[in-house]
Amino acid sequence: MRKRKWMVMLAVSMLLAMMFATTAFAAGTGDVAGAIEGTWTTASAQIKTVVNKVVFPAIDLILAVLFFVKVGTAYMDYRKHGQIEWAPPVILFACLVFMLTAPLYIWGIIGI
């Protein structure tokens, strides 16, 4: 009974995989690599736009909030103990500068 249950689950999963699999046609020539490259060149501009307008600003916002929170906690720690810990705010500031300047050079590295 247990083996039959596994066989049914395997058959159903294979059927779903075949049903939802998308076939890529290479425009009659059989050049699959060319079809993939064409799709990539079409999508790369959209990917670049989305990353520049959504992903980088979201990461910048998160890092900026974390930086100011860390500066505030470092100040409170300074008032409490009389010494300031510079490493966490400096690391967050360096990450923030890195992410703010990333759109200028990241696409040259990736090749888009």
PDB file of N, CA and C in Angstrom:
ATOM      1  N   MET A   1       0.818  -1.191   0.000  1.00  0.00           N
ATOM      2  CA  MET A   1       0.000   0.000   0.000  1.00  0.00           C
ATOM      3  C   MET A   1       0.868   1.263   0.000  1.00  0.00           C
ATOM      4  N   ARG A   2       1.929   1.250   0.788  1.00  0.00           N
ATOM      5  CA  ARG A   2       2.811   2.408   0.879  1.00  0.00           C
ATOM      6  C   ARG A   2       3.537   2.639  -0.450  1.00  0.00           C
ATOM      7  N   LYS A   3       3.943   1.539  -1.090  1.00  0.00           N
ATOM      8  CA  LYS A   3       4.628   1.652  -2.378  1.00  0.00           C
ATOM      9  C   LYS A   3       3.676   2.205  -3.435  1.00  0.00           C
ATOM     10  N   ARG A   4       2.439   1.796  -3.395  1.00  0.00           N
ATOM     11  CA  ARG A   4       1.449   2.269  -4.358  1.00  0.00           C
ATOM     12  C   ARG A   4       1.220   3.780  -4.177  1.00  0.00           C
ATOM     13  N   LYS A   5       1.196   4.225  -2.930  1.00  0.00           N
ATOM     14  CA  LYS A   5       1.008   5.644  -2.642  1.00  0.00           C
ATOM     15  C   LYS A   5       2.160   6.472  -3.212  1.00  0.00           C
ATOM     16  N   TRP A   6       3.382   5.972  -3.058  1.00  0.00           N
ATOM     17  CA  TRP A   6       4.548   6.663  -3.612  1.00  0.00           C
ATOM     18  C   TRP A   6       4.507   6.675  -5.135  1.00  0.00           C
ATOM     19  N   MET A   7       4.068   5.593  -5.723  1.00  0.00           N
ATOM     20  CA  MET A   7       3.983   5.525  -7.188  1.00  0.00           C
ATOM     21  C   MET A   7       2.940   6.517  -7.715  1.00  0.00           C
ATOM     22  N   VAL A   8       1.812   6.628  -7.022  1.00  0.00           N
ATOM     23  CA  VAL A   8       0.781   7.574  -7.434  1.00  0.00           C
ATOM     24  C   VAL A   8       1.298   9.008  -7.296  1.00  0.00           C
ATOM     25  N   MET A   9       1.985   9.300  -6.188  1.00  0.00           N
ATOM     26  CA  MET A   9       2.546  10.643  -6.000  1.00  0.00           C
ATOM     27  C   MET A   9       3.584  10.959  -7.071  1.00  0.00           C
ATOM     28  N   LEU A  10       4.409   9.985  -7.417  1.00  0.00           N
ATOM     29  CA  LEU A  10       5.409  10.175  -8.466  1.00  0.00           C
ATOM     30  C   LEU A  10       4.740  10.418  -9.809  1.00  0.00           C
ATOM     31  N   ALA A  11       3.704   9.635 -10.111  1.00  0.00           N
ATOM     32  CA  ALA A  11       2.997   9.797 -11.379  1.00  0.00           C
ATOM     33  C   ALA A  11       2.318  11.163 -11.459  1.00  0.00           C
ATOM     34  N   VAL A  12       1.703  11.594 -10.378  1.00  0.00           N
ATOM     35  CA  VAL A  12       1.040  12.901 -10.372  1.00  0.00           C
ATOM     36  C   VAL A  12       2.060  14.026 -10.524  1.00  0.00           C
ATOM     37  N   SER A  13       3.186  13.931  -9.826  1.00  0.00           N
ATOM     38  CA  SER A  13       4.200  14.980  -9.942  1.00  0.00           C
ATOM     39  C   SER A  13       4.808  15.008 -11.341  1.00  0.00           C
ATOM     40  N   MET A  14       5.025  13.852 -11.940  1.00  0.00           N
ATOM     41  CA  MET A  14       5.537  13.817 -13.321  1.00  0.00           C
ATOM     42  C   MET A  14       4.519  14.405 -14.293  1.00  0.00           C
ATOM     43  N   LEU A  15       3.245  14.091 -14.079  1.00  0.00           N
ATOM     44  CA  LEU A  15       2.194  14.625 -14.935  1.00  0.00           C
ATOM     45  C   LEU A  15       2.118  16.145 -14.817  1.00  0.00           C
ATOM     46  N   LEU A  16       2.210  16.663 -13.592  1.00  0.00           N
ATOM     47  CA  LEU A  16       2.201  18.114 -13.399  1.00  0.00           C
ATOM     48  C   LEU A  16       3.434  18.771 -14.008  1.00  0.00           C
ATOM     49  N   ALA A  17       4.579  18.127 -13.886  1.00  0.00           N
ATOM     50  CA  ALA A  17       5.799  18.677 -14.477  1.00  0.00           C
ATOM     51  C   ALA A  17       5.681  18.751 -15.993  1.00  0.00           C
ATOM     52  N   MET A  18       5.137  17.712 -16.599  1.00  0.00           N
ATOM     53  CA  MET A  18       4.965  17.732 -18.058  1.00  0.00           C
ATOM     54  C   MET A  18       3.910  18.742 -18.478  1.00  0.00           C
ATOM     55  N   MET A  19       2.874  18.894 -17.665  1.00  0.00           N
ATOM     56  CA  MET A  19       1.789  19.793 -18.022  1.00  0.00           C
ATOM     57  C   MET A  19       2.221  21.262 -17.938  1.00  0.00           C
ATOM     58  N   PHE A  20       3.046  21.600 -16.953  1.00  0.00           N
ATOM     59  CA  PHE A  20       3.452  22.986 -16.771  1.00  0.00           C
ATOM     60  C   PHE A  20       4.796  23.317 -17.412  1.00  0.00           C
ATOM     61  N   ALA A  21       5.451  22.368 -18.024  1.00  0.00           N
ATOM     62  CA  ALA A  21       6.725  22.631 -18.685  1.00  0.00           C
ATOM     63  C   ALA A  21       6.471  23.436 -19.957  1.00  0.00           C
ATOM     64  N   THR A  22       7.316  24.404 -20.195  1.00  0.00           N
ATOM     65  CA  THR A  22       7.182  25.249 -21.378  1.00  0.00           C
ATOM     66  C   THR A  22       8.222  24.828 -22.403  1.00  0.00           C
ATOM     67  N   THR A  23       7.784  24.673 -23.614  1.00  0.00           N
ATOM     68  CA  THR A  23       8.686  24.284 -24.685  1.00  0.00           C
ATOM     69  C   THR A  23       9.253  25.541 -25.334  1.00  0.00           C
ATOM     70  N   ALA A  24      10.565  25.556 -25.533  1.00  0.00           N
ATOM     71  CA  ALA A  24      11.216  26.682 -26.197  1.00  0.00           C
ATOM     72  C   ALA A  24      11.501  26.280 -27.637  1.00  0.00           C
ATOM     73  N   PHE A  25      10.925  27.004 -28.557  1.00  0.00           N
ATOM     74  CA  PHE A  25      11.144  26.720 -29.965  1.00  0.00           C
ATOM     75  C   PHE A  25      12.244  27.631 -30.492  1.00  0.00           C
ATOM     76  N   ALA A  26      13.083  27.099 -31.349  1.00  0.00           N
ATOM     77  CA  ALA A  26      14.236  27.838 -31.856  1.00  0.00           C
ATOM     78  C   ALA A  26      13.996  28.361 -33.262  1.00  0.00           C
ATOM     79  N   ALA A  27      12.806  28.764 -33.569  1.00  0.00           N
ATOM     80  CA  ALA A  27      12.444  29.432 -34.824  1.00  0.00           C
ATOM     81  C   ALA A  27      12.810  28.628 -36.059  1.00  0.00           C
ATOM     82  N   GLY A  28      12.602  27.345 -36.032  1.00  0.00           N
ATOM     83  CA  GLY A  28      12.767  26.518 -37.209  1.00  0.00           C
ATOM     84  C   GLY A  28      14.189  26.124 -37.546  1.00  0.00           C
ATOM     85  N   THR A  29      15.186  26.840 -37.072  1.00  0.00           N
ATOM     86  CA  THR A  29      16.565  26.527 -37.427  1.00  0.00           C
ATOM     87  C   THR A  29      17.191  25.521 -36.479  1.00  0.00           C
ATOM     88  N   GLY A  30      16.619  25.347 -35.324  1.00  0.00           N
ATOM     89  CA  GLY A  30      17.199  24.439 -34.338  1.00  0.00           C
ATOM     90  C   GLY A  30      18.293  25.083 -33.511  1.00  0.00           C
ATOM     91  N   ASP A  31      18.438  26.388 -33.612  1.00  0.00           N
ATOM     92  CA  ASP A  31      19.479  27.111 -32.879  1.00  0.00           C
ATOM     93  C   ASP A  31      18.940  27.542 -31.519  1.00  0.00           C
ATOM     94  N   VAL A  32      19.047  26.652 -30.551  1.00  0.00           N
ATOM     95  CA  VAL A  32      18.525  26.934 -29.219  1.00  0.00           C
ATOM     96  C   VAL A  32      19.351  28.025 -28.543  1.00  0.00           C
ATOM     97  N   ALA A  33      20.659  28.003 -28.715  1.00  0.00           N
ATOM     98  CA  ALA A  33      21.518  29.017 -28.097  1.00  0.00           C
ATOM     99  C   ALA A  33      21.158  30.411 -28.609  1.00  0.00           C
ATOM    100  N   GLY A  34      20.879  30.520 -29.882  1.00  0.00           N
ATOM    101  CA  GLY A  34      20.482  31.812 -30.441  1.00  0.00           C
ATOM    102  C   GLY A  34      19.162  32.297 -29.879  1.00  0.00           C
ATOM    103  N   ALA A  35      18.229  31.366 -29.664  1.00  0.00           N
ATOM    104  CA  ALA A  35      16.941  31.745 -29.079  1.00  0.00           C
ATOM    105  C   ALA A  35      17.114  32.237 -27.650  1.00  0.00           C
ATOM    106  N   ILE A  36      17.987  31.573 -26.895  1.00  0.00           N
ATOM    107  CA  ILE A  36      18.227  31.986 -25.509  1.00  0.00           C
ATOM    108  C   ILE A  36      18.934  33.337 -25.474  1.00  0.00           C
ATOM    109  N   GLU A  37      19.917  33.539 -26.352  1.00  0.00           N
ATOM    110  CA  GLU A  37      20.616  34.824 -26.398  1.00  0.00           C
ATOM    111  C   GLU A  37      19.675  35.953 -26.793  1.00  0.00           C
ATOM    112  N   GLY A  38      18.780  35.678 -27.727  1.00  0.00           N
ATOM    113  CA  GLY A  38      17.802  36.691 -28.124  1.00  0.00           C
ATOM    114  C   GLY A  38      16.876  37.066 -26.988  1.00  0.00           C
ATOM    115  N   THR A  39      16.453  36.060 -26.238  1.00  0.00           N
ATOM    116  CA  THR A  39      15.597  36.327 -25.082  1.00  0.00           C
ATOM    117  C   THR A  39      16.350  37.133 -24.039  1.00  0.00           C
ATOM    118  N   TRP A  40      17.618  36.785 -23.814  1.00  0.00           N
ATOM    119  CA  TRP A  40      18.410  37.503 -22.813  1.00  0.00           C
ATOM    120  C   TRP A  40      18.618  38.956 -23.219  1.00  0.00           C
ATOM    121  N   THR A  41      18.930  39.209 -24.487  1.00  0.00           N
ATOM    122  CA  THR A  41      19.159  40.591 -24.911  1.00  0.00           C
ATOM    123  C   THR A  41      17.875  41.408 -24.822  1.00  0.00           C
ATOM    124  N   THR A  42      16.740  40.768 -25.057  1.00  0.00           N
ATOM    125  CA  THR A  42      15.469  41.476 -24.926  1.00  0.00           C
ATOM    126  C   THR A  42      15.168  41.790 -23.467  1.00  0.00           C
ATOM    127  N   ALA A  43      15.428  40.827 -22.594  1.00  0.00           N
ATOM    128  CA  ALA A  43      15.074  40.995 -21.179  1.00  0.00           C
ATOM    129  C   ALA A  43      16.114  41.784 -20.394  1.00  0.00           C
ATOM    130  N   SER A  44      17.340  41.871 -20.886  1.00  0.00           N
ATOM    131  CA  SER A  44      18.397  42.511 -20.091  1.00  0.00           C
ATOM    132  C   SER A  44      18.121  43.993 -19.838  1.00  0.00           C
ATOM    133  N   ALA A  45      17.547  44.679 -20.798  1.00  0.00           N
ATOM    134  CA  ALA A  45      17.223  46.093 -20.586  1.00  0.00           C
ATOM    135  C   ALA A  45      16.152  46.248 -19.514  1.00  0.00           C
ATOM    136  N   GLN A  46      15.162  45.361 -19.532  1.00  0.00           N
ATOM    137  CA  GLN A  46      14.109  45.419 -18.512  1.00  0.00           C
ATOM    138  C   GLN A  46      14.659  45.068 -17.140  1.00  0.00           C
ATOM    139  N   ILE A  47      15.539  44.079 -17.088  1.00  0.00           N
ATOM    140  CA  ILE A  47      16.152  43.690 -15.816  1.00  0.00           C
ATOM    141  C   ILE A  47      16.959  44.854 -15.252  1.00  0.00           C
ATOM    142  N   LYS A  48      17.731  45.507 -16.112  1.00  0.00           N
ATOM    143  CA  LYS A  48      18.551  46.640 -15.675  1.00  0.00           C
ATOM    144  C   LYS A  48      17.680  47.772 -15.139  1.00  0.00           C
ATOM    145  N   THR A  49      16.584  48.057 -15.818  1.00  0.00           N
ATOM    146  CA  THR A  49      15.687  49.119 -15.372  1.00  0.00           C
ATOM    147  C   THR A  49      15.069  48.800 -14.019  1.00  0.00           C
ATOM    148  N   VAL A  50      14.600  47.566 -13.853  1.00  0.00           N
ATOM    149  CA  VAL A  50      13.971  47.179 -12.586  1.00  0.00           C
ATOM    150  C   VAL A  50      14.981  47.219 -11.448  1.00  0.00           C
ATOM    151  N   VAL A  51      16.177  46.715 -11.696  1.00  0.00           N
ATOM    152  CA  VAL A  51      17.192  46.705 -10.639  1.00  0.00           C
ATOM    153  C   VAL A  51      17.604  48.127 -10.278  1.00  0.00           C
ATOM    154  N   ASN A  52      17.766  48.993 -11.278  1.00  0.00           N
ATOM    155  CA  ASN A  52      18.165  50.379 -11.001  1.00  0.00           C
ATOM    156  C   ASN A  52      17.077  51.175 -10.284  1.00  0.00           C
ATOM    157  N   LYS A  53      15.810  50.913 -10.614  1.00  0.00           N
ATOM    158  CA  LYS A  53      14.732  51.728 -10.058  1.00  0.00           C
ATOM    159  C   LYS A  53      14.060  51.120  -8.842  1.00  0.00           C
ATOM    160  N   VAL A  54      14.250  49.821  -8.579  1.00  0.00           N
ATOM    161  CA  VAL A  54      13.567  49.185  -7.453  1.00  0.00           C
ATOM    162  C   VAL A  54      14.548  48.558  -6.467  1.00  0.00           C
ATOM    163  N   VAL A  55      15.428  47.701  -6.953  1.00  0.00           N
ATOM    164  CA  VAL A  55      16.276  46.908  -6.056  1.00  0.00           C
ATOM    165  C   VAL A  55      17.320  47.781  -5.362  1.00  0.00           C
ATOM    166  N   PHE A  56      18.077  48.555  -6.127  1.00  0.00           N
ATOM    167  CA  PHE A  56      19.105  49.398  -5.513  1.00  0.00           C
ATOM    168  C   PHE A  56      18.517  50.426  -4.538  1.00  0.00           C
ATOM    169  N   PRO A  57      17.440  51.136  -4.886  1.00  0.00           N
ATOM    170  CA  PRO A  57      16.873  52.063  -3.892  1.00  0.00           C
ATOM    171  C   PRO A  57      16.347  51.367  -2.637  1.00  0.00           C
ATOM    172  N   ALA A  58      15.786  50.173  -2.782  1.00  0.00           N
ATOM    173  CA  ALA A  58      15.304  49.451  -1.597  1.00  0.00           C
ATOM    174  C   ALA A  58      16.463  49.074  -0.681  1.00  0.00           C
ATOM    175  N   ILE A  59      17.543  48.579  -1.263  1.00  0.00           N
ATOM    176  CA  ILE A  59      18.717  48.221  -0.458  1.00  0.00           C
ATOM    177  C   ILE A  59      19.334  49.477   0.162  1.00  0.00           C
ATOM    178  N   ASP A  60      19.373  50.573  -0.599  1.00  0.00           N
ATOM    179  CA  ASP A  60      19.898  51.835  -0.058  1.00  0.00           C
ATOM    180  C   ASP A  60      19.071  52.323   1.123  1.00  0.00           C
ATOM    181  N   LEU A  61      17.760  52.216   1.006  1.00  0.00           N
ATOM    182  CA  LEU A  61      16.886  52.643   2.102  1.00  0.00           C
ATOM    183  C   LEU A  61      17.119  51.803   3.353  1.00  0.00           C
ATOM    184  N   ILE A  62      17.210  50.495   3.181  1.00  0.00           N
ATOM    185  CA  ILE A  62      17.452  49.606   4.323  1.00  0.00           C
ATOM    186  C   ILE A  62      18.789  49.930   4.979  1.00  0.00           C
ATOM    187  N   LEU A  63      19.830  50.103   4.167  1.00  0.00           N
ATOM    188  CA  LEU A  63      21.146  50.420   4.728  1.00  0.00           C
ATOM    189  C   LEU A  63      21.169  51.790   5.403  1.00  0.00           C
ATOM    190  N   ALA A  64      20.458  52.763   4.845  1.00  0.00           N
ATOM    191  CA  ALA A  64      20.422  54.090   5.463  1.00  0.00           C
ATOM    192  C   ALA A  64      19.727  54.040   6.819  1.00  0.00           C
ATOM    193  N   VAL A  65      18.609  53.323   6.888  1.00  0.00           N
ATOM    194  CA  VAL A  65      17.907  53.194   8.170  1.00  0.00           C
ATOM    195  C   VAL A  65      18.788  52.483   9.184  1.00  0.00           C
ATOM    196  N   LEU A  66      19.418  51.385   8.767  1.00  0.00           N
ATOM    197  CA  LEU A  66      20.308  50.662   9.679  1.00  0.00           C
ATOM    198  C   LEU A  66      21.478  51.534  10.130  1.00  0.00           C
ATOM    199  N   PHE A  67      22.018  52.329   9.219  1.00  0.00           N
ATOM    200  CA  PHE A  67      23.137  53.206   9.569  1.00  0.00           C
ATOM    201  C   PHE A  67      22.734  54.219  10.644  1.00  0.00           C
ATOM    202  N   PHE A  68      21.597  54.880  10.436  1.00  0.00           N
ATOM    203  CA  PHE A  68      21.187  55.890  11.414  1.00  0.00           C
ATOM    204  C   PHE A  68      20.780  55.266  12.744  1.00  0.00           C
ATOM    205  N   VAL A  69      20.191  54.090  12.705  1.00  0.00           N
ATOM    206  CA  VAL A  69      19.883  53.391  13.958  1.00  0.00           C
ATOM    207  C   VAL A  69      21.172  53.030  14.681  1.00  0.00           C
ATOM    208  N   LYS A  70      22.158  52.547  13.937  1.00  0.00           N
ATOM    209  CA  LYS A  70      23.431  52.166  14.557  1.00  0.00           C
ATOM    210  C   LYS A  70      24.172  53.388  15.100  1.00  0.00           C
ATOM    211  N   VAL A  71      24.103  54.517  14.402  1.00  0.00           N
ATOM    212  CA  VAL A  71      24.717  55.742  14.924  1.00  0.00           C
ATOM    213  C   VAL A  71      24.018  56.173  16.212  1.00  0.00           C
ATOM    214  N   GLY A  72      22.700  56.065  16.229  1.00  0.00           N
ATOM    215  CA  GLY A  72      21.959  56.409  17.444  1.00  0.00           C
ATOM    216  C   GLY A  72      22.289  55.497  18.607  1.00  0.00           C
ATOM    217  N   THR A  73      22.381  54.202  18.355  1.00  0.00           N
ATOM    218  CA  THR A  73      22.729  53.277  19.443  1.00  0.00           C
ATOM    219  C   THR A  73      24.177  53.467  19.880  1.00  0.00           C
ATOM    220  N   ALA A  74      25.052  53.825  18.944  1.00  0.00           N
ATOM    221  CA  ALA A  74      26.444  54.092  19.323  1.00  0.00           C
ATOM    222  C   ALA A  74      26.525  55.337  20.204  1.00  0.00           C
ATOM    223  N   TYR A  75      25.711  56.346  19.909  1.00  0.00           N
ATOM    224  CA  TYR A  75      25.691  57.548  20.744  1.00  0.00           C
ATOM    225  C   TYR A  75      25.147  57.236  22.143  1.00  0.00           C
ATOM    226  N   MET A  76      24.075  56.446  22.189  1.00  0.00           N
ATOM    227  CA  MET A  76      23.529  56.061  23.500  1.00  0.00           C
ATOM    228  C   MET A  76      24.542  55.236  24.287  1.00  0.00           C
ATOM    229  N   ASP A  77      25.255  54.376  23.586  1.00  0.00           N
ATOM    230  CA  ASP A  77      26.296  53.582  24.238  1.00  0.00           C
ATOM    231  C   ASP A  77      27.429  54.486  24.731  1.00  0.00           C
ATOM    232  N   TYR A  78      27.752  55.518  23.970  1.00  0.00           N
ATOM    233  CA  TYR A  78      28.779  56.482  24.381  1.00  0.00           C
ATOM    234  C   TYR A  78      28.347  57.232  25.643  1.00  0.00           C
ATOM    235  N   ARG A  79      27.092  57.630  25.690  1.00  0.00           N
ATOM    236  CA  ARG A  79      26.604  58.341  26.879  1.00  0.00           C
ATOM    237  C   ARG A  79      26.585  57.436  28.102  1.00  0.00           C
ATOM    238  N   LYS A  80      26.354  56.134  27.872  1.00  0.00           N
ATOM    239  CA  LYS A  80      26.265  55.208  28.998  1.00  0.00           C
ATOM    240  C   LYS A  80      27.642  54.782  29.497  1.00  0.00           C
ATOM    241  N   HIS A  81      28.549  54.459  28.562  1.00  0.00           N
ATOM    242  CA  HIS A  81      29.840  53.883  28.946  1.00  0.00           C
ATOM    243  C   HIS A  81      31.027  54.830  28.749  1.00  0.00           C
ATOM    244  N   GLY A  82      30.842  55.913  28.032  1.00  0.00           N
ATOM    245  CA  GLY A  82      31.924  56.861  27.851  1.00  0.00           C
ATOM    246  C   GLY A  82      32.880  56.525  26.724  1.00  0.00           C
ATOM    247  N   GLN A  83      32.609  55.507  25.960  1.00  0.00           N
ATOM    248  CA  GLN A  83      33.444  55.194  24.791  1.00  0.00           C
ATOM    249  C   GLN A  83      32.530  54.841  23.628  1.00  0.00           C
ATOM    250  N   ILE A  84      33.028  55.139  22.436  1.00  0.00           N
ATOM    251  CA  ILE A  84      32.207  54.917  21.250  1.00  0.00           C
ATOM    252  C   ILE A  84      32.804  53.783  20.430  1.00  0.00           C
ATOM    253  N   GLU A  85      31.941  52.955  19.901  1.00  0.00           N
ATOM    254  CA  GLU A  85      32.346  51.846  19.034  1.00  0.00           C
ATOM    255  C   GLU A  85      32.145  52.309  17.594  1.00  0.00           C
ATOM    256  N   TRP A  86      33.247  52.483  16.860  1.00  0.00           N
ATOM    257  CA  TRP A  86      33.182  53.032  15.511  1.00  0.00           C
ATOM    258  C   TRP A  86      32.950  51.995  14.430  1.00  0.00           C
ATOM    259  N   ALA A  87      33.297  50.753  14.671  1.00  0.00           N
ATOM    260  CA  ALA A  87      33.285  49.747  13.607  1.00  0.00           C
ATOM    261  C   ALA A  87      31.904  49.535  12.973  1.00  0.00           C
ATOM    262  N   PRO A  88      30.829  49.302  13.731  1.00  0.00           N
ATOM    263  CA  PRO A  88      29.538  49.055  13.068  1.00  0.00           C
ATOM    264  C   PRO A  88      29.032  50.222  12.221  1.00  0.00           C
ATOM    265  N   PRO A  89      29.072  51.481  12.708  1.00  0.00           N
ATOM    266  CA  PRO A  89      28.620  52.562  11.825  1.00  0.00           C
ATOM    267  C   PRO A  89      29.503  52.744  10.591  1.00  0.00           C
ATOM    268  N   VAL A  90      30.801  52.541  10.743  1.00  0.00           N
ATOM    269  CA  VAL A  90      31.701  52.692   9.596  1.00  0.00           C
ATOM    270  C   VAL A  90      31.440  51.611   8.557  1.00  0.00           C
ATOM    271  N   ILE A  91      31.209  50.385   9.011  1.00  0.00           N
ATOM    272  CA  ILE A  91      30.916  49.291   8.076  1.00  0.00           C
ATOM    273  C   ILE A  91      29.612  49.564   7.336  1.00  0.00           C
ATOM    274  N   LEU A  92      28.582  49.990   8.058  1.00  0.00           N
ATOM    275  CA  LEU A  92      27.309  50.300   7.404  1.00  0.00           C
ATOM    276  C   LEU A  92      27.441  51.484   6.452  1.00  0.00           C
ATOM    277  N   PHE A  93      28.240  52.489   6.815  1.00  0.00           N
ATOM    278  CA  PHE A  93      28.450  53.626   5.922  1.00  0.00           C
ATOM    279  C   PHE A  93      29.181  53.194   4.654  1.00  0.00           C
ATOM    280  N   ALA A  94      30.177  52.334   4.796  1.00  0.00           N
ATOM    281  CA  ALA A  94      30.904  51.835   3.621  1.00  0.00           C
ATOM    282  C   ALA A  94      29.976  51.029   2.718  1.00  0.00           C
ATOM    283  N   CYS A  95      29.124  50.211   3.312  1.00  0.00           N
ATOM    284  CA  CYS A  95      28.156  49.444   2.517  1.00  0.00           C
ATOM    285  C   CYS A  95      27.172  50.370   1.814  1.00  0.00           C
ATOM    286  N   LEU A  96      26.754  51.422   2.496  1.00  0.00           N
ATOM    287  CA  LEU A  96      25.830  52.381   1.896  1.00  0.00           C
ATOM    288  C   LEU A  96      26.477  53.104   0.716  1.00  0.00           C
ATOM    289  N   VAL A  97      27.715  53.532   0.870  1.00  0.00           N
ATOM    290  CA  VAL A  97      28.424  54.190  -0.238  1.00  0.00           C
ATOM    291  C   VAL A  97      28.619  53.215  -1.394  1.00  0.00           C
ATOM    292  N   PHE A  98      28.974  51.976  -1.078  1.00  0.00           N
ATOM    293  CA  PHE A  98      29.145  50.945  -2.104  1.00  0.00           C
ATOM    294  C   PHE A  98      27.854  50.736  -2.888  1.00  0.00           C
ATOM    295  N   MET A  99      26.723  50.663  -2.192  1.00  0.00           N
ATOM    296  CA  MET A  99      25.452  50.429  -2.871  1.00  0.00           C
ATOM    297  C   MET A  99      24.958  51.667  -3.613  1.00  0.00           C
ATOM    298  N   LEU A 100      25.272  52.852  -3.116  1.00  0.00           N
ATOM    299  CA  LEU A 100      24.864  54.064  -3.828  1.00  0.00           C
ATOM    300  C   LEU A 100      25.619  54.233  -5.139  1.00  0.00           C
ATOM    301  N   THR A 101      26.870  53.785  -5.169  1.00  0.00           N
ATOM    302  CA  THR A 101      27.661  53.911  -6.394  1.00  0.00           C
ATOM    303  C   THR A 101      27.609  52.661  -7.267  1.00  0.00           C
ATOM    304  N   ALA A 102      26.977  51.603  -6.809  1.00  0.00           N
ATOM    305  CA  ALA A 102      26.950  50.342  -7.558  1.00  0.00           C
ATOM    306  C   ALA A 102      26.350  50.461  -8.956  1.00  0.00           C
ATOM    307  N   PRO A 103      25.264  51.212  -9.187  1.00  0.00           N
ATOM    308  CA  PRO A 103      24.725  51.287 -10.550  1.00  0.00           C
ATOM    309  C   PRO A 103      25.694  51.876 -11.571  1.00  0.00           C
ATOM    310  N   LEU A 104      26.703  52.618 -11.110  1.00  0.00           N
ATOM    311  CA  LEU A 104      27.653  53.223 -12.042  1.00  0.00           C
ATOM    312  C   LEU A 104      28.601  52.202 -12.656  1.00  0.00           C
ATOM    313  N   TYR A 105      28.920  51.139 -11.939  1.00  0.00           N
ATOM    314  CA  TYR A 105      29.921  50.200 -12.431  1.00  0.00           C
ATOM    315  C   TYR A 105      29.442  48.753 -12.521  1.00  0.00           C
ATOM    316  N   ILE A 106      28.355  48.395 -11.877  1.00  0.00           N
ATOM    317  CA  ILE A 106      27.963  46.988 -11.822  1.00  0.00           C
ATOM    318  C   ILE A 106      27.568  46.460 -13.198  1.00  0.00           C
ATOM    319  N   TRP A 107      26.950  47.307 -14.027  1.00  0.00           N
ATOM    320  CA  TRP A 107      26.517  46.829 -15.344  1.00  0.00           C
ATOM    321  C   TRP A 107      27.700  46.630 -16.281  1.00  0.00           C
ATOM    322  N   GLY A 108      28.778  47.363 -16.073  1.00  0.00           N
ATOM    323  CA  GLY A 108      29.991  47.123 -16.858  1.00  0.00           C
ATOM    324  C   GLY A 108      30.654  45.815 -16.483  1.00  0.00           C
ATOM    325  N   ILE A 109      30.586  45.464 -15.199  1.00  0.00           N
ATOM    326  CA  ILE A 109      31.161  44.194 -14.749  1.00  0.00           C
ATOM    327  C   ILE A 109      30.346  43.024 -15.276  1.00  0.00           C
ATOM    328  N   ILE A 110      29.016  43.140 -15.184  1.00  0.00           N
ATOM    329  CA  ILE A 110      28.143  42.052 -15.637  1.00  0.00           C
ATOM    330  C   ILE A 110      28.133  41.971 -17.156  1.00  0.00           C
ATOM    331  N   GLY A 111      28.225  43.102 -17.817  1.00  0.00           N
ATOM    332  CA  GLY A 111      28.255  43.106 -19.273  1.00  0.00           C
ATOM    333  C   GLY A 111      26.913  43.410 -19.909  1.00  0.00           C
ATOM    334  N   ILE A 112      26.079  44.156 -19.206  1.00  0.00           N
ATOM    335  CA  ILE A 112      24.772  44.521 -19.781  1.00  0.00           C
ATOM    336  C   ILE A 112      24.871  45.931 -20.320  1.00  0.00           C
TER     337      ILE A 112
END
